[in-house]
Protein backbone atom coordinates (compact mmCIF):
# COMPACT_ATOMS: atom_id res chain seq x y z
CA MET A 1 20.42 7.44 -7.59
CA THR A 2 18.27 8.95 -10.32
CA ILE A 3 14.79 9.17 -8.78
CA ASP A 4 13.94 11.09 -5.65
CA VAL A 5 11.54 10.06 -2.90
CA ARG A 6 8.65 12.04 -4.40
CA SER A 7 8.95 10.15 -7.70
CA ALA A 8 9.14 6.81 -5.86
CA VAL A 9 5.96 7.59 -3.92
CA ILE A 10 4.11 8.66 -7.07
CA GLY A 11 5.22 5.45 -8.79
CA ALA A 12 3.98 3.30 -5.90
CA LYS A 13 0.60 5.08 -5.84
CA GLN A 14 0.13 4.77 -9.58
CA TYR A 15 1.06 1.09 -9.47
CA LEU A 16 -1.44 0.34 -6.69
CA GLN A 17 -4.21 2.30 -8.38
CA SER A 18 -3.57 0.50 -11.68
CA LEU A 19 -4.20 -2.83 -9.90
CA GLN A 20 -7.34 -1.73 -8.08
CA ASP A 21 -9.70 -3.79 -10.25
CA GLN A 22 -7.46 -6.86 -9.98
CA ILE A 23 -7.15 -6.85 -6.19
CA GLY A 24 -10.93 -6.83 -5.86
CA MET A 25 -11.44 -3.87 -3.57
CA LEU A 26 -11.87 -0.14 -3.71
CA ILE A 27 -8.90 1.84 -2.50
CA ASP A 28 -10.08 4.67 -0.30
CA ASP A 29 -8.20 7.17 1.87
CA LEU A 30 -4.81 6.34 0.32
CA ARG A 31 -1.96 7.70 2.46
CA LEU A 32 1.79 7.61 2.57
CA GLU A 33 2.80 5.79 5.75
CA GLU A 34 6.57 5.14 5.56
CA VAL A 35 9.55 5.82 3.32
CA GLU A 36 12.96 4.18 3.52
CA LEU A 37 16.00 4.09 1.27
CA SER A 38 17.75 0.71 1.40
CA GLU A 39 21.25 0.65 2.91
CA ASP A 40 22.79 -0.02 -0.50
CA ARG A 41 20.70 2.89 -1.91
CA LYS A 42 19.36 0.66 -4.71
CA PHE A 43 15.72 0.68 -3.63
CA TRP A 44 13.09 2.93 -2.14
CA LEU A 45 10.77 1.05 0.25
CA ILE A 46 7.44 2.86 0.21
CA THR A 47 4.57 1.88 2.53
CA LEU A 48 1.09 3.01 1.51
CA GLY A 49 -2.01 2.58 3.64
CA PHE A 50 -5.62 2.63 2.55
CA SER A 51 -9.08 1.90 3.91
CA ARG A 52 -11.21 -0.95 2.67
CA SER A 53 -14.59 -2.35 3.69
CA ALA A 54 -14.33 -4.57 6.77
CA ASP A 55 -14.80 -8.28 6.08
CA LYS A 56 -17.87 -9.27 8.07
CA ALA A 57 -17.12 -12.94 7.37
CA LYS A 58 -14.16 -12.65 9.77
CA ASN A 59 -16.52 -11.79 12.60
CA PRO A 60 -19.88 -13.62 12.60
CA LEU A 61 -21.19 -11.23 15.29
CA ALA A 62 -20.41 -8.12 13.22
CA ASP A 63 -24.09 -7.38 12.60
CA LEU A 64 -24.88 -7.61 16.33
CA ILE A 65 -22.12 -5.34 17.59
CA ASP A 66 -20.87 -1.96 16.56
CA SER A 67 -17.93 -3.20 14.49
CA PRO A 68 -15.80 -0.94 12.30
CA LYS A 69 -17.05 -0.57 8.77
CA TYR A 70 -13.53 -0.05 7.42
CA GLU A 71 -10.13 -1.57 8.05
CA ARG A 72 -6.69 -0.20 7.18
CA GLU A 73 -4.49 -2.22 4.90
CA TYR A 74 -0.81 -1.56 4.22
CA LYS A 75 1.34 -2.43 1.21
CA ILE A 76 5.13 -2.12 0.92
CA PHE A 77 6.50 -1.26 -2.51
CA LYS A 78 10.11 -1.88 -3.48
CA ILE A 79 11.04 0.73 -6.10
CA ASN A 80 14.26 0.61 -8.10
CA SER A 81 16.05 3.90 -7.30
CA GLU A 82 17.68 4.03 -10.74
CA THR A 83 14.70 3.30 -12.98
CA GLY A 84 11.65 3.97 -10.79
CA GLU A 85 10.30 0.52 -11.68
CA VAL A 86 8.22 -1.28 -9.05
CA GLN A 87 10.11 -4.46 -8.16
CA SER A 88 7.61 -5.85 -5.66
CA MET A 89 4.45 -5.18 -3.67
CA LYS A 90 3.99 -6.96 -0.33
CA ILE A 91 1.47 -6.95 2.47
CA ARG A 92 2.79 -5.25 5.58
CA GLU A 93 1.66 -7.03 8.69
CA VAL A 94 0.39 -4.69 11.38
């Protein structure tokens, strides 16, 4: 294994931030949520969470009730432990 957990987390954060304009939302309050090394030690699995504006279209009564203005979203990044390359980014279901 050539990269440590700190390098894997930095790589995942940089990758997500580089896609911010393409995913169509501002990334706010970015936090490290989970870290896992795969059993075969080939990949770091890094979960990052961030806040985004709540989608009022999901709740037609949002303007009438005190609904949250932000929602948390979570992404799982699969990072190659040898190269540090991001292999995948997936939505983590809550």
